């Protein structure tokens, strides 16, 4: 029979063994937990890069002369001959076209006859004035007769002067029957043919004046504020890939074309013999896109209460940290961030639901991450 003292001793030893076993199991659990916490999780990240604040605008146009003259006759009539065609060079004084001047020649003859009659009238009035002066000097005729003779003479002189002007005008009209070039240039358009009756000022040919050349482009209203007079732009010629020129905006139209809703912009070109009229040119200019923003994939965003955050990676310690951000806008793939990120940050773009503060992540060594932002702000994710 076991004594009560020995039963107490056995019970105490059994309790001690149970406590020791429990402590051992607890130590094993803690060791396993520590082992679980040390697991390094691989992640997919992107490196943040700043979006460009400028974009390039490209518009095409044709090379043209800065000054173009639409030449027309100063009198109306029927064209008898046109002496130039498109592409011909003209020099000052060269005859471009002629009209039938028969009626104007007749006007000259009529004006010459009128002038001759007026001169005879002046001679007659002069004789009458001299006779009246002699009679008045001898007190034979009254002074009123002398004044009347003087008035008739003055009137005859005025009539003669008017006839001279009429004759000069008629001769000018005969001369205007020949259309002559005022300046050197190249014929770029023909608007009338021989046998056609034209009125005063009707364009017959268009001449591009020698000198400065320019490119005219049509710019939509969304980009017109990127072009200001005096702004420097790049001009390339399609027919010569190696020819790049520096142009300068000379003029911007003050109103849009009512049909195309575009504004005409003229860009002056430097003097270069390789640039010919009519060549196609491309005008490239830079435009501001607004404040510099960074872009990240939508998968990088996580919600925390009312705010938004992303998980960034500490390169040195290879741990992740939550960082609040402000989202400006987003599309179906990316979000643009206004505050919270800077170029060079590594952002987790997959598995954000498994992230926690100071979690160790796996970053392979020996390779540089690609930047995430392009000119348009798109991000390029890289597997880590």
Protein backbone atom coordinates (compact mmCIF):
# COMPACT_ATOMS: atom_id res chain seq x y z
CA UNK A 1 0.00 0.00 0.00
CA UNK A 2 1.33 3.35 -1.13
CA UNK A 3 1.67 6.01 1.44
CA UNK A 4 0.13 9.45 0.94
CA UNK A 5 3.55 11.12 0.91
CA UNK A 6 4.74 9.02 -2.01
CA UNK A 7 1.52 9.81 -3.96
CA UNK A 8 2.12 13.53 -3.55
CA UNK A 9 5.71 13.12 -4.74
CA UNK A 10 4.63 11.20 -7.88
CA UNK A 11 1.98 13.80 -8.67
CA UNK A 12 4.51 16.61 -8.31
CA UNK A 13 6.99 14.88 -10.63
CA UNK A 14 4.28 14.29 -13.25
CA UNK A 15 3.27 17.93 -13.17
CA UNK A 16 6.85 19.00 -13.59
CA UNK A 17 7.23 16.76 -16.64
CA UNK A 18 4.05 18.20 -18.19
CA UNK A 19 5.27 21.76 -17.67
CA UNK A 20 8.66 20.87 -19.21
CA UNK A 21 6.95 19.29 -22.22
CA UNK A 22 4.72 22.32 -22.67
CA UNK A 23 7.70 24.66 -22.55
CA UNK A 24 9.50 22.51 -25.10
CA UNK A 25 6.54 22.59 -27.48
CA UNK A 26 6.24 26.37 -27.05
CA UNK A 27 9.93 26.82 -27.84
CA UNK A 28 9.52 24.73 -31.00
CA UNK A 29 6.50 26.81 -32.07
CA UNK A 30 8.39 30.05 -31.51
CA UNK A 31 11.34 28.65 -33.45
CA UNK A 32 9.05 27.67 -36.33
CA UNK A 33 7.40 31.13 -36.24
CA UNK A 34 10.80 32.79 -36.38
CA UNK A 35 11.70 30.54 -39.29
CA UNK A 36 8.42 31.52 -41.05
CA UNK A 37 9.05 35.24 -40.52
CA UNK A 38 12.46 34.99 -42.12
CA UNK A 39 10.97 33.79 -45.43
CA UNK A 40 11.89 36.26 -48.20
CA UNK A 41 9.05 36.98 -50.61
CA UNK A 42 9.83 37.67 -54.33
CA UNK A 43 7.97 40.67 -55.71
CA UNK A 44 7.32 42.42 -59.00
CA UNK A 45 8.38 46.08 -58.99
CA UNK A 46 8.95 49.07 -61.26
CA UNK A 47 11.40 51.91 -60.90
CA UNK A 48 9.69 55.29 -60.95
CA UNK A 49 10.86 57.83 -63.54
CA UNK A 50 9.55 61.35 -64.07
CA UNK A 51 7.21 61.96 -66.97
CA UNK A 52 8.54 64.39 -69.54
CA UNK A 53 7.13 67.90 -69.25
CA UNK A 54 7.40 68.54 -73.00
CA UNK A 55 6.00 66.88 -76.08
CA UNK A 56 6.94 67.27 -79.72
CA UNK A 57 4.48 68.64 -82.27
CA UNK A 58 4.95 67.76 -85.95
CA UNK A 59 3.12 69.42 -88.82
CA UNK A 60 3.67 69.28 -92.56
CA UNK A 61 3.52 72.08 -95.08
CA UNK A 62 4.93 73.25 -98.40
CA UNK A 63 7.88 75.57 -99.00
CA UNK A 64 6.76 78.86 -100.50
CA UNK A 65 8.13 82.31 -101.08
CA UNK A 66 7.56 84.85 -98.36
CA UNK A 67 6.20 87.29 -100.97
CA UNK A 68 3.95 86.22 -103.84
CA UNK A 69 2.53 88.67 -106.39
CA UNK A 70 -0.72 87.99 -108.25
CA UNK A 71 -0.09 90.00 -111.42
CA UNK A 72 -3.03 91.47 -113.35
CA UNK A 73 -3.63 94.13 -116.01
CA UNK A 74 -4.44 97.67 -114.93
CA UNK A 75 -6.97 97.87 -117.78
CA UNK A 76 -9.58 95.45 -119.06
CA UNK A 77 -9.47 93.71 -122.40
CA UNK A 78 -8.93 90.51 -124.31
CA UNK A 79 -5.62 88.69 -123.78
CA UNK A 80 -3.82 88.26 -127.10
CA UNK A 81 -0.81 86.34 -125.79
CA UNK A 82 0.73 84.96 -122.62
CA UNK A 83 4.51 84.70 -122.74
CA UNK A 84 5.32 82.67 -119.59
CA UNK A 85 4.39 79.32 -118.05
CA UNK A 86 4.62 77.82 -114.59
CA UNK A 87 8.24 77.48 -113.49
CA UNK A 88 9.60 80.23 -115.78
CA UNK A 89 11.80 82.89 -114.26
CA UNK A 90 10.94 86.56 -114.82
CA UNK A 91 13.02 89.70 -114.37
CA UNK A 92 11.94 93.30 -113.75
CA UNK A 93 10.48 94.84 -116.91
CA UNK A 94 9.95 91.51 -118.71
CA UNK A 95 6.63 91.28 -120.62
CA UNK A 96 4.43 88.53 -119.20
CA UNK A 97 1.25 88.97 -121.27
CA UNK A 98 -0.49 91.37 -123.65
CA UNK A 99 -4.07 92.42 -124.28
CA UNK A 100 -5.70 93.87 -127.38
CA UNK A 101 -4.98 97.60 -127.27
CA UNK A 102 -6.91 98.73 -130.35
CA UNK A 103 -9.48 100.73 -128.40
CA UNK A 104 -6.79 102.35 -126.26
CA UNK A 105 -4.80 103.37 -129.34
CA UNK A 106 -7.94 105.02 -130.71
CA UNK A 107 -8.34 106.82 -127.40
CA UNK A 108 -4.81 108.18 -127.81
CA UNK A 109 -5.61 109.52 -131.28
CA UNK A 110 -8.80 111.12 -129.99
CA UNK A 111 -6.90 112.71 -127.09
CA UNK A 112 -4.22 114.01 -129.49
CA UNK A 113 -6.91 115.64 -131.66
CA UNK A 114 -8.55 117.19 -128.61
CA UNK A 115 -5.20 118.56 -127.51
CA UNK A 116 -4.55 120.07 -130.93
CA UNK A 117 -7.95 121.79 -130.88
CA UNK A 118 -7.29 123.08 -127.37
CA UNK A 119 -3.94 124.51 -128.40
CA UNK A 120 -5.61 126.36 -131.33
CA UNK A 121 -8.15 127.70 -128.91
CA UNK A 122 -5.37 129.00 -126.67
CA UNK A 123 -3.73 130.72 -129.64
CA UNK A 124 -7.04 132.37 -130.56
CA UNK A 125 -7.68 133.50 -127.00
CA UNK A 126 -4.15 134.84 -126.76
CA UNK A 127 -4.64 137.01 -129.89
CA UNK A 128 -7.94 138.30 -128.53
CA UNK A 129 -6.32 139.14 -125.21
CA UNK A 130 -3.51 141.06 -126.88
CA UNK A 131 -5.97 143.01 -129.05
CA UNK A 132 -8.11 143.89 -126.02
CA UNK A 133 -5.00 145.05 -124.18
CA UNK A 134 -4.01 147.37 -127.04
CA UNK A 135 -7.50 148.89 -127.28
CA UNK A 136 -7.62 149.37 -123.54
CA UNK A 137 -4.22 151.05 -123.53
CA UNK A 138 -5.52 153.55 -126.17
CA UNK A 139 -8.68 154.14 -124.13
CA UNK A 140 -10.75 152.82 -127.01
CA UNK A 141 -12.20 149.75 -125.26
CA UNK A 142 -13.47 149.50 -121.67
CA UNK A 143 -11.69 147.52 -119.02
CA UNK A 144 -14.52 144.99 -118.91
CA UNK A 145 -13.68 143.92 -122.45
CA UNK A 146 -10.06 143.33 -121.41
CA UNK A 147 -11.18 141.28 -118.40
CA UNK A 148 -13.47 139.20 -120.60
CA UNK A 149 -10.58 138.49 -122.99
CA UNK A 150 -8.36 137.52 -120.06
CA UNK A 151 -11.02 135.15 -118.75
CA UNK A 152 -11.40 133.49 -122.16
CA UNK A 153 -7.68 133.01 -122.42
CA UNK A 154 -7.46 131.42 -118.97
CA UNK A 155 -10.30 129.08 -119.82
CA UNK A 156 -8.60 128.04 -123.06
CA UNK A 157 -5.36 127.31 -121.18
CA UNK A 158 -7.23 125.13 -118.66
CA UNK A 159 -8.90 123.23 -121.48
CA UNK A 160 -5.52 122.63 -123.09
CA UNK A 161 -4.04 121.37 -119.81
CA UNK A 162 -6.97 118.96 -119.39
CA UNK A 163 -6.41 117.71 -122.92
CA UNK A 164 -2.74 117.10 -122.12
CA UNK A 165 -3.71 115.03 -119.07
CA UNK A 166 -6.28 113.08 -121.09
CA UNK A 167 -3.63 112.29 -123.71
CA UNK A 168 -1.17 111.14 -121.05
CA UNK A 169 -3.83 108.91 -119.53
CA UNK A 170 -4.67 107.41 -122.91
CA UNK A 171 -1.01 106.69 -123.57
CA UNK A 172 -0.68 105.06 -120.16
CA UNK A 173 -3.60 102.77 -120.94
CA UNK A 174 -1.87 101.69 -124.11
CA UNK A 175 1.25 100.92 -122.06
CA UNK A 176 -0.86 99.02 -119.52
CA UNK A 177 -1.83 96.67 -122.33
CA UNK A 178 1.53 94.97 -121.69
CA UNK A 179 1.78 93.17 -118.36
CA UNK A 180 5.37 93.52 -117.09
CA UNK A 181 7.07 91.94 -114.07
CA UNK A 182 8.01 94.32 -111.28
CA UNK A 183 10.46 92.02 -109.45
CA UNK A 184 12.53 88.92 -110.11
CA UNK A 185 10.94 85.61 -109.30
CA UNK A 186 9.41 82.36 -110.49
CA UNK A 187 5.95 81.90 -112.00
CA UNK A 188 4.04 79.58 -109.66
CA UNK A 189 0.51 79.83 -111.11
CA UNK A 190 -1.25 80.75 -114.35
CA UNK A 191 -4.81 82.02 -114.00
CA UNK A 192 -5.72 83.19 -117.53
CA UNK A 193 -5.14 82.09 -121.11
CA UNK A 194 -4.87 83.84 -124.46
CA UNK A 195 -8.30 84.74 -125.82
CA UNK A 196 -9.78 85.28 -122.39
CA UNK A 197 -11.37 88.64 -121.58
CA UNK A 198 -10.23 89.92 -118.21
CA UNK A 199 -11.23 92.91 -116.15
CA UNK A 200 -8.99 95.33 -114.33
CA UNK A 201 -6.99 93.59 -111.62
CA UNK A 202 -7.93 90.02 -112.56
CA UNK A 203 -4.92 87.77 -111.71
CA UNK A 204 -3.22 86.46 -114.84
CA UNK A 205 -0.08 84.87 -113.33
CA UNK A 206 1.34 84.51 -109.81
CA UNK A 207 5.04 85.16 -109.24
CA UNK A 208 6.99 83.99 -106.18
CA UNK A 209 9.46 86.77 -105.49
CA UNK A 210 13.12 85.82 -105.06
CA UNK A 211 14.36 86.08 -101.49
CA UNK A 212 13.30 84.59 -98.18
CA UNK A 213 11.40 81.31 -98.18
CA UNK A 214 8.99 80.00 -95.60
CA UNK A 215 6.82 77.03 -94.67
CA UNK A 216 3.14 77.45 -93.93
CA UNK A 217 1.48 74.82 -91.70
CA UNK A 218 -2.05 74.45 -90.36
CA UNK A 219 -2.12 74.07 -86.57
CA UNK A 220 -5.27 73.04 -84.63
CA UNK A 221 -6.51 75.21 -81.81
CA UNK A 222 -5.36 72.69 -79.18
CA UNK A 223 -1.70 73.35 -80.09
CA UNK A 224 -1.71 76.92 -81.37
CA UNK A 225 -0.42 78.38 -78.10
CA UNK A 226 2.80 76.40 -78.57
CA UNK A 227 3.64 78.68 -81.52
CA UNK A 228 4.64 82.26 -80.83
CA UNK A 229 6.29 84.74 -83.24
CA UNK A 230 10.05 84.45 -82.87
CA UNK A 231 10.01 80.86 -81.56
CA UNK A 232 12.72 78.57 -82.96
CA UNK A 233 11.57 75.31 -84.56
CA UNK A 234 13.18 72.45 -86.46
CA UNK A 235 12.42 72.04 -90.16
CA UNK A 236 13.22 68.92 -92.17
CA UNK A 237 12.79 68.47 -95.92
CA UNK A 238 11.16 65.21 -96.97
CA UNK A 239 13.10 64.93 -100.25
CA UNK A 240 16.44 65.31 -98.44
CA UNK A 241 16.63 63.26 -95.27
CA UNK A 242 19.93 64.81 -94.24
CA UNK A 243 18.76 68.40 -94.60
CA UNK A 244 17.62 69.83 -91.27
CA UNK A 245 17.16 73.56 -90.87
CA UNK A 246 16.45 75.88 -87.97
CA UNK A 247 13.37 77.97 -88.69
CA UNK A 248 11.71 80.79 -86.85
CA UNK A 249 7.99 81.42 -86.46
CA UNK A 250 7.30 84.64 -88.34
CA UNK A 251 3.55 84.97 -88.18
CA UNK A 252 0.58 83.29 -86.47
CA UNK A 253 -2.89 83.87 -87.87
CA UNK A 254 -5.15 85.83 -85.57
CA UNK A 255 -8.24 83.77 -86.43
CA UNK A 256 -8.95 80.18 -87.41
CA UNK A 257 -9.96 79.08 -90.87
CA UNK A 258 -13.77 78.81 -90.81
CA UNK A 259 -13.74 75.44 -92.58
CA UNK A 260 -10.76 73.54 -91.17
CA UNK A 261 -10.76 75.30 -87.78
CA UNK A 262 -6.98 75.51 -87.95
CA UNK A 263 -4.60 78.46 -87.67
CA UNK A 264 -2.05 79.31 -90.37
CA UNK A 265 1.50 79.49 -89.01
CA UNK A 266 4.34 80.82 -91.21
CA UNK A 267 7.90 79.70 -90.44
CA UNK A 268 10.82 81.58 -92.01
CA UNK A 269 13.67 79.47 -93.41
CA UNK A 270 17.36 80.32 -93.72
CA UNK A 271 18.74 80.80 -97.23
CA UNK A 272 19.70 77.40 -98.65
CA UNK A 273 19.96 76.54 -102.35
CA UNK A 274 18.84 72.98 -101.66
CA UNK A 275 15.40 74.18 -100.58
CA UNK A 276 13.15 74.69 -103.60
CA UNK A 277 9.67 76.14 -103.82
CA UNK A 278 6.94 73.55 -103.50
CA UNK A 279 9.00 71.04 -101.52
CA UNK A 280 7.25 69.29 -98.63
CA UNK A 281 8.66 70.17 -95.21
CA UNK A 282 7.99 69.00 -91.67
CA UNK A 283 7.97 71.50 -88.80
CA UNK A 284 8.75 70.15 -85.31
CA UNK A 285 8.16 72.25 -82.20
CA UNK A 286 8.09 71.51 -78.48
CA UNK A 287 5.12 72.17 -76.21
CA UNK A 288 4.73 72.13 -72.44
CA UNK A 289 2.55 69.30 -71.09
CA UNK A 290 2.10 70.69 -67.58
CA UNK A 291 3.65 69.74 -64.23
CA UNK A 292 6.04 66.80 -64.01
CA UNK A 293 4.18 63.72 -62.73
CA UNK A 294 5.17 60.11 -62.17
CA UNK A 295 3.20 57.14 -63.38
CA UNK A 296 2.65 53.69 -61.80
CA UNK A 297 0.43 50.74 -62.74
CA UNK A 298 -2.98 50.58 -61.12
CA UNK A 299 -1.98 47.30 -59.47
CA UNK A 300 0.53 49.21 -57.32
CA UNK A 301 -2.19 51.17 -55.52
CA UNK A 302 -3.65 50.05 -52.19
CA UNK A 303 -6.36 51.60 -50.03
CA UNK A 304 -5.85 52.51 -46.37
CA UNK A 305 -8.97 54.06 -44.94
CA UNK A 306 -9.78 57.12 -47.03
CA UNK A 307 -6.24 57.38 -48.41
CA UNK A 308 -4.19 55.64 -51.07
CA UNK A 309 -0.75 54.14 -50.60
CA UNK A 310 1.90 52.19 -52.44
CA UNK A 311 4.58 49.81 -51.16
CA UNK A 312 8.14 50.95 -51.86
CA UNK A 313 11.28 48.83 -51.59
CA UNK A 314 14.35 49.88 -49.60
CA UNK A 315 17.20 48.88 -51.92
CA UNK A 316 19.79 48.62 -49.15
CA UNK A 317 17.79 46.57 -46.65
CA UNK A 318 15.52 44.89 -49.23
CA UNK A 319 12.43 45.59 -47.18
CA UNK A 320 9.10 47.16 -48.10
CA UNK A 321 7.49 50.24 -46.58
CA UNK A 322 4.05 51.78 -47.03
CA UNK A 323 3.99 55.31 -48.49
CA UNK A 324 0.87 57.49 -48.85
CA UNK A 325 0.40 59.05 -52.32
CA UNK A 326 -1.94 61.48 -54.04
CA UNK A 327 -3.44 60.39 -57.36
CA UNK A 328 -3.96 63.06 -60.03
CA UNK A 329 -5.78 60.91 -62.60
CA UNK A 330 -5.69 57.47 -64.12
CA UNK A 331 -6.60 55.45 -67.21
CA UNK A 332 -7.28 51.78 -67.78
CA UNK A 333 -3.64 50.83 -67.02
CA UNK A 334 -1.79 53.56 -65.09
CA UNK A 335 -2.25 56.22 -62.46
CA UNK A 336 -0.43 59.55 -62.36
CA UNK A 337 0.90 60.54 -58.94
CA UNK A 338 1.26 64.16 -57.85
CA UNK A 339 2.80 63.61 -54.42
CA UNK A 340 4.48 60.79 -52.50
CA UNK A 341 6.86 59.35 -55.09
CA UNK A 342 10.02 60.56 -56.75
CA UNK A 343 12.13 59.28 -59.63
CA UNK A 344 14.23 56.29 -58.62
CA UNK A 345 11.78 54.77 -56.14
CA UNK A 346 11.05 51.03 -56.45
CA UNK A 347 7.32 50.33 -56.23
CA UNK A 348 5.69 46.92 -55.73
CA UNK A 349 3.17 46.31 -58.51
CA UNK A 350 1.96 42.79 -57.68
CA UNK A 351 1.00 41.04 -54.44
CA UNK A 352 0.40 44.24 -52.48
CA UNK A 353 -2.24 42.44 -50.38
CA UNK A 354 0.53 40.31 -48.87
CA UNK A 355 2.78 43.24 -47.95
CA UNK A 356 3.42 44.47 -44.43
CA UNK A 357 5.83 46.97 -42.98
CA UNK A 358 9.53 45.90 -43.05
CA UNK A 359 8.75 42.67 -44.91
CA UNK A 360 11.85 41.21 -46.51
CA UNK A 361 11.65 40.86 -50.29
CA UNK A 362 13.83 39.22 -52.87
CA UNK A 363 15.76 41.56 -55.15
CA UNK A 364 18.21 39.85 -57.54
CA UNK A 365 21.68 41.36 -57.70
CA UNK A 366 23.75 42.25 -60.76
CA UNK A 367 20.99 43.92 -62.83
CA UNK A 368 19.71 47.47 -62.94
CA UNK A 369 15.94 47.95 -62.91
CA UNK A 370 14.34 49.58 -65.91
CA UNK A 371 12.62 52.89 -65.42
CA UNK A 372 8.87 52.80 -65.34
CA UNK A 373 7.86 56.06 -67.00
CA UNK A 374 8.09 56.87 -70.68
CA UNK A 375 7.32 60.14 -72.43
CA UNK A 376 3.63 59.47 -72.09
CA UNK A 377 3.90 58.30 -68.48
CA UNK A 378 3.37 54.58 -69.17
CA UNK A 379 5.04 52.19 -66.74
CA UNK A 380 7.05 49.09 -67.73
CA UNK A 381 6.86 46.49 -64.95
CA UNK A 382 9.88 44.28 -64.32
CA UNK A 383 9.74 40.94 -62.50
CA UNK A 384 11.81 40.86 -59.34
